[in-house]
Amino acid sequence: MSADDEDDIILSELSDEDLTAQMHDDLYDGLREEIEEGVNILLERGWTPYDILTKALVAGMKVVGDDFRDGILFVPEVLLAANAMKAGMAILKPLLVETGAPRMGKMVIGTVKGDIHDIGKNLVSMMMEGAGFEVVDLGINNPVEKYLDALKAEEADILGMSALLTTTMPYMKVVIDALVEQGLREDYIVLVGGAPLNEEFGRAIGADAYCRDAAVAVETAKQFIARKHNQLAG
């Protein structure tokens, strides 16, 4: 019997509560195959895709995000955890669509025109997906038209823009100004980030918030989405 077989037997013999706790640990350790196995076991036990997403995956990634924010985990470890999360999401996504499960919100994200740096943006994308958001990643070097077209086509809630060069930072204002000119600024939550940015810059260009890292981006997005839902309900 292989070690993998032993792991499978152990996972399948755990109670639901112990299995979800184990999945949190496996996410933290970036164990892709174990996450896939755990998701499939919970599905076989009759768990809804949404409950697996929120209680097993999102809850586990919150620990990863908190420890990343606090300097306990670093980018390589977070990327491993996010990849394990993606493996679980690949199983759940089609099922979530079928069941019409509620979504946290939808984000369009991309690095601005003239900038080809994407490590930070990729991390934000993965962490946002890990928190239950739907993410449309436009990649690098995005002109204003690409952002605007994607926001409309995807019916997004959030626009995320990233820049690593001081020379490309001002392009974020170009995009925000275009939203204002078209009367669309109030339709979207605009979050910006990147190494040379700060809160003052975010305010100056008219963004809703500057996010210093991926963990902050997730928490900020959750707060703004909750506020938006409350306004709609009111």
Protein backbone atom coordinates (compact mmCIF):
# COMPACT_ATOMS: atom_id res chain seq x y z
CA MET A 1 0.00 0.00 0.00
CA SER A 2 1.43 3.40 -0.97
CA ALA A 3 1.57 6.44 1.30
CA ASP A 4 -0.99 8.05 -1.01
CA ASP A 5 -3.39 5.15 -0.43
CA GLU A 6 -2.93 5.53 3.32
CA ASP A 7 -3.70 9.25 3.03
CA ASP A 8 -6.84 8.52 1.00
CA ILE A 9 -8.08 6.02 3.58
CA ILE A 10 -7.37 8.43 6.42
CA LEU A 11 -9.22 11.27 4.68
CA SER A 12 -12.23 9.15 3.86
CA GLU A 13 -12.45 7.86 7.43
CA LEU A 14 -12.48 11.32 9.03
CA SER A 15 -15.69 12.87 10.29
CA ASP A 16 -16.97 15.90 8.37
CA GLU A 17 -15.65 18.27 11.04
CA ASP A 18 -12.23 16.62 11.15
CA LEU A 19 -12.06 16.46 7.36
CA THR A 20 -12.70 20.18 6.91
CA ALA A 21 -10.09 20.92 9.60
CA GLN A 22 -7.64 18.66 7.75
CA MET A 23 -8.42 20.46 4.49
CA HIS A 24 -7.56 23.78 6.14
CA ASP A 25 -4.16 22.28 7.06
CA ASP A 26 -3.70 20.81 3.58
CA LEU A 27 -4.46 24.17 1.97
CA TYR A 28 -1.95 25.84 4.27
CA ASP A 29 0.65 23.30 3.14
CA GLY A 30 -0.30 23.65 -0.54
CA LEU A 31 -1.30 19.99 -0.96
CA ARG A 32 -3.21 20.01 -4.23
CA GLU A 33 -4.15 16.33 -4.50
CA GLU A 34 -5.36 16.16 -0.91
CA ILE A 35 -7.63 19.16 -1.50
CA GLU A 36 -9.12 17.52 -4.60
CA GLU A 37 -9.69 14.33 -2.61
CA GLY A 38 -11.30 16.21 0.26
CA VAL A 39 -13.66 18.10 -2.04
CA ASN A 40 -14.75 14.87 -3.72
CA ILE A 41 -15.34 13.13 -0.38
CA LEU A 42 -17.53 15.99 0.86
CA LEU A 43 -19.49 15.96 -2.41
CA GLU A 44 -20.07 12.21 -2.01
CA ARG A 45 -21.34 12.86 1.52
CA GLY A 46 -23.97 15.23 0.17
CA TRP A 47 -22.38 18.57 0.97
CA THR A 48 -23.50 21.42 -1.27
CA PRO A 49 -20.78 22.93 -3.47
CA TYR A 50 -21.31 26.30 -1.76
CA ASP A 51 -20.79 24.82 1.71
CA ILE A 52 -17.59 23.12 0.59
CA LEU A 53 -16.38 26.38 -0.93
CA THR A 54 -17.08 28.49 2.15
CA LYS A 55 -16.44 26.07 5.03
CA ALA A 56 -13.55 24.00 3.66
CA LEU A 57 -11.76 26.21 1.13
CA VAL A 58 -12.48 29.88 1.87
CA ALA A 59 -12.14 29.35 5.62
CA GLY A 60 -8.78 27.65 5.05
CA MET A 61 -7.51 30.38 2.75
CA LYS A 62 -8.45 33.01 5.33
CA VAL A 63 -5.82 31.53 7.65
CA VAL A 64 -3.31 31.66 4.80
CA GLY A 65 -4.23 35.28 4.09
CA ASP A 66 -3.97 36.29 7.74
CA ASP A 67 -0.54 34.69 8.13
CA PHE A 68 0.64 36.28 4.87
CA ARG A 69 -0.50 39.68 6.14
CA ASP A 70 1.30 39.09 9.45
CA GLY A 71 4.57 38.04 7.82
CA ILE A 72 4.35 34.38 8.89
CA LEU A 73 3.91 33.08 5.33
CA PHE A 74 5.62 34.42 2.22
CA VAL A 75 4.73 34.66 -1.47
CA PRO A 76 5.97 31.18 -2.58
CA GLU A 77 3.97 29.47 0.18
CA VAL A 78 0.87 31.52 -0.55
CA LEU A 79 1.12 30.66 -4.25
CA LEU A 80 1.25 26.95 -3.35
CA ALA A 81 -1.83 27.33 -1.15
CA ALA A 82 -3.63 29.28 -3.87
CA ASN A 83 -2.84 26.59 -6.45
CA ALA A 84 -4.26 23.93 -4.13
CA MET A 85 -7.35 26.11 -3.71
CA LYS A 86 -7.65 26.38 -7.50
CA ALA A 87 -7.61 22.60 -7.79
CA GLY A 88 -10.59 22.39 -5.45
CA MET A 89 -12.32 25.26 -7.26
CA ALA A 90 -11.93 23.49 -10.60
CA ILE A 91 -14.16 20.71 -9.27
CA LEU A 92 -16.67 23.07 -7.65
CA LYS A 93 -17.03 25.79 -10.29
CA PRO A 94 -19.34 23.96 -12.72
CA LEU A 95 -21.40 22.67 -9.80
CA LEU A 96 -21.71 26.15 -8.30
CA VAL A 97 -23.02 27.44 -11.63
CA GLU A 98 -25.57 24.60 -11.82
CA THR A 99 -26.85 25.23 -8.31
CA GLY A 100 -26.98 29.00 -8.71
CA ALA A 101 -24.95 29.49 -5.53
CA PRO A 102 -24.53 33.05 -4.31
CA ARG A 103 -21.25 34.70 -5.21
CA MET A 104 -19.21 37.17 -3.22
CA GLY A 105 -18.77 39.43 -6.23
CA LYS A 106 -16.92 39.70 -9.53
CA MET A 107 -13.60 41.42 -10.11
CA VAL A 108 -11.84 42.52 -13.28
CA ILE A 109 -8.12 42.93 -12.61
CA GLY A 110 -5.09 43.81 -14.70
CA THR A 111 -1.71 45.56 -14.76
CA VAL A 112 -1.91 49.01 -16.37
CA LYS A 113 -0.67 50.06 -19.80
CA GLY A 114 3.12 50.18 -20.07
CA ASP A 115 3.67 47.82 -17.13
CA ILE A 116 4.45 44.12 -17.54
CA HIS A 117 4.81 43.14 -13.88
CA ASP A 118 2.26 40.61 -12.70
CA ILE A 119 3.41 38.68 -9.62
CA GLY A 120 1.49 40.91 -7.21
CA LYS A 121 -1.56 40.97 -9.46
CA ASN A 122 -1.52 37.19 -9.81
CA LEU A 123 -1.38 36.81 -6.06
CA VAL A 124 -4.35 39.14 -5.60
CA SER A 125 -6.29 37.18 -8.25
CA MET A 126 -5.63 33.87 -6.52
CA MET A 127 -6.43 35.21 -3.04
CA MET A 128 -9.65 36.81 -4.30
CA GLU A 129 -10.72 33.50 -5.86
CA GLY A 130 -9.77 31.84 -2.59
CA ALA A 131 -12.18 34.17 -0.81
CA GLY A 132 -15.04 33.20 -3.13
CA PHE A 133 -14.88 36.02 -5.66
CA GLU A 134 -15.11 35.43 -9.40
CA VAL A 135 -12.01 36.94 -11.02
CA VAL A 136 -11.40 37.95 -14.64
CA ASP A 137 -7.65 38.53 -15.07
CA LEU A 138 -6.79 40.75 -18.04
CA GLY A 139 -3.05 40.18 -17.69
CA ILE A 140 -0.48 42.93 -18.26
CA ASN A 141 -0.15 46.17 -20.25
CA ASN A 142 -3.86 47.05 -20.33
CA PRO A 143 -5.11 50.20 -22.08
CA VAL A 144 -8.16 52.02 -20.74
CA GLU A 145 -10.45 50.54 -23.42
CA LYS A 146 -9.68 46.99 -22.34
CA TYR A 147 -10.62 47.75 -18.72
CA LEU A 148 -13.87 49.48 -19.72
CA ASP A 149 -14.91 46.78 -22.19
CA ALA A 150 -14.24 44.01 -19.65
CA LEU A 151 -16.11 45.78 -16.84
CA LYS A 152 -19.21 46.09 -19.01
CA ALA A 153 -19.00 42.66 -20.65
CA GLU A 154 -18.41 40.84 -17.35
CA GLU A 155 -20.91 42.91 -15.33
CA ALA A 156 -18.21 43.24 -12.71
CA ASP A 157 -18.48 44.75 -9.24
CA ILE A 158 -14.81 45.56 -8.73
CA LEU A 159 -11.98 46.95 -10.85
CA GLY A 160 -8.48 46.11 -9.65
CA MET A 161 -5.44 47.87 -11.15
CA SER A 162 -1.79 47.12 -10.47
CA ALA A 163 1.45 48.94 -11.28
CA LEU A 164 5.05 48.38 -10.23
CA LEU A 165 6.68 51.31 -12.05
CA THR A 166 6.40 54.92 -10.95
CA THR A 167 6.12 55.84 -14.63
CA THR A 168 2.97 53.73 -15.13
CA MET A 169 1.21 54.66 -11.87
CA PRO A 170 -0.48 57.77 -13.35
CA TYR A 171 -2.26 55.62 -15.94
CA MET A 172 -4.58 54.44 -13.17
CA LYS A 173 -6.02 57.96 -13.09
CA VAL A 174 -6.56 57.83 -16.84
CA VAL A 175 -8.79 54.77 -16.37
CA ILE A 176 -10.68 56.26 -13.43
CA ASP A 177 -11.18 59.57 -15.30
CA ALA A 178 -12.60 57.62 -18.26
CA LEU A 179 -15.11 55.93 -15.92
CA VAL A 180 -16.11 59.37 -14.60
CA GLU A 181 -16.48 60.80 -18.12
CA GLN A 182 -18.77 57.93 -19.14
CA GLY A 183 -20.88 58.26 -15.98
CA LEU A 184 -19.80 54.79 -14.82
CA ARG A 185 -17.59 55.60 -11.84
CA GLU A 186 -20.26 54.87 -9.23
CA ASP A 187 -20.98 51.47 -10.79
CA TYR A 188 -17.66 49.95 -9.73
CA ILE A 189 -15.49 49.58 -6.64
CA VAL A 190 -11.96 50.61 -7.71
CA LEU A 191 -9.02 49.07 -5.84
CA VAL A 192 -5.39 49.87 -6.70
CA GLY A 193 -2.10 48.36 -5.58
CA GLY A 194 1.58 47.97 -6.33
CA ALA A 195 4.91 48.57 -4.62
CA PRO A 196 5.31 52.31 -5.38
CA LEU A 197 1.73 53.24 -4.42
CA ASN A 198 0.39 54.48 -1.11
CA GLU A 199 -2.91 55.58 0.41
CA GLU A 200 -2.36 59.22 -0.48
CA PHE A 201 -1.87 58.33 -4.15
CA GLY A 202 -5.00 56.17 -4.11
CA ARG A 203 -7.06 59.06 -2.78
CA ALA A 204 -5.50 61.55 -5.21
CA ILE A 205 -6.48 59.55 -8.29
CA GLY A 206 -10.02 58.85 -7.06
CA ALA A 207 -9.73 55.15 -6.23
CA ASP A 208 -11.95 53.68 -3.53
CA ALA A 209 -8.97 52.14 -1.75
CA TYR A 210 -5.26 51.41 -1.95
CA CYS A 211 -4.41 47.83 -0.95
CA ARG A 212 -0.85 47.23 0.20
CA ASP A 213 -0.98 43.46 -0.37
CA ALA A 214 -3.24 40.60 -1.46
CA ALA A 215 -4.62 39.90 2.01
CA VAL A 216 -5.63 43.54 2.44
CA ALA A 217 -7.20 43.51 -1.03
CA VAL A 218 -9.45 40.60 -0.06
CA GLU A 219 -10.58 42.19 3.21
CA THR A 220 -11.15 45.55 1.52
CA ALA A 221 -13.16 43.97 -1.28
CA LYS A 222 -15.33 42.09 1.22
CA GLN A 223 -16.06 45.30 3.13
CA PHE A 224 -17.03 47.25 0.02
CA ILE A 225 -19.20 44.43 -1.33
CA ALA A 226 -21.00 44.11 2.01
CA ARG A 227 -21.61 47.86 1.98
CA LYS A 228 -22.92 47.69 -1.59
CA HIS A 229 -25.30 44.85 -0.71
CA ASN A 230 -26.57 46.77 2.30
CA GLN A 231 -27.23 49.83 0.14
CA LEU A 232 -29.14 47.74 -2.40
CA ALA A 233 -31.14 46.09 0.37
CA GLY A 234 -31.92 49.47 1.89
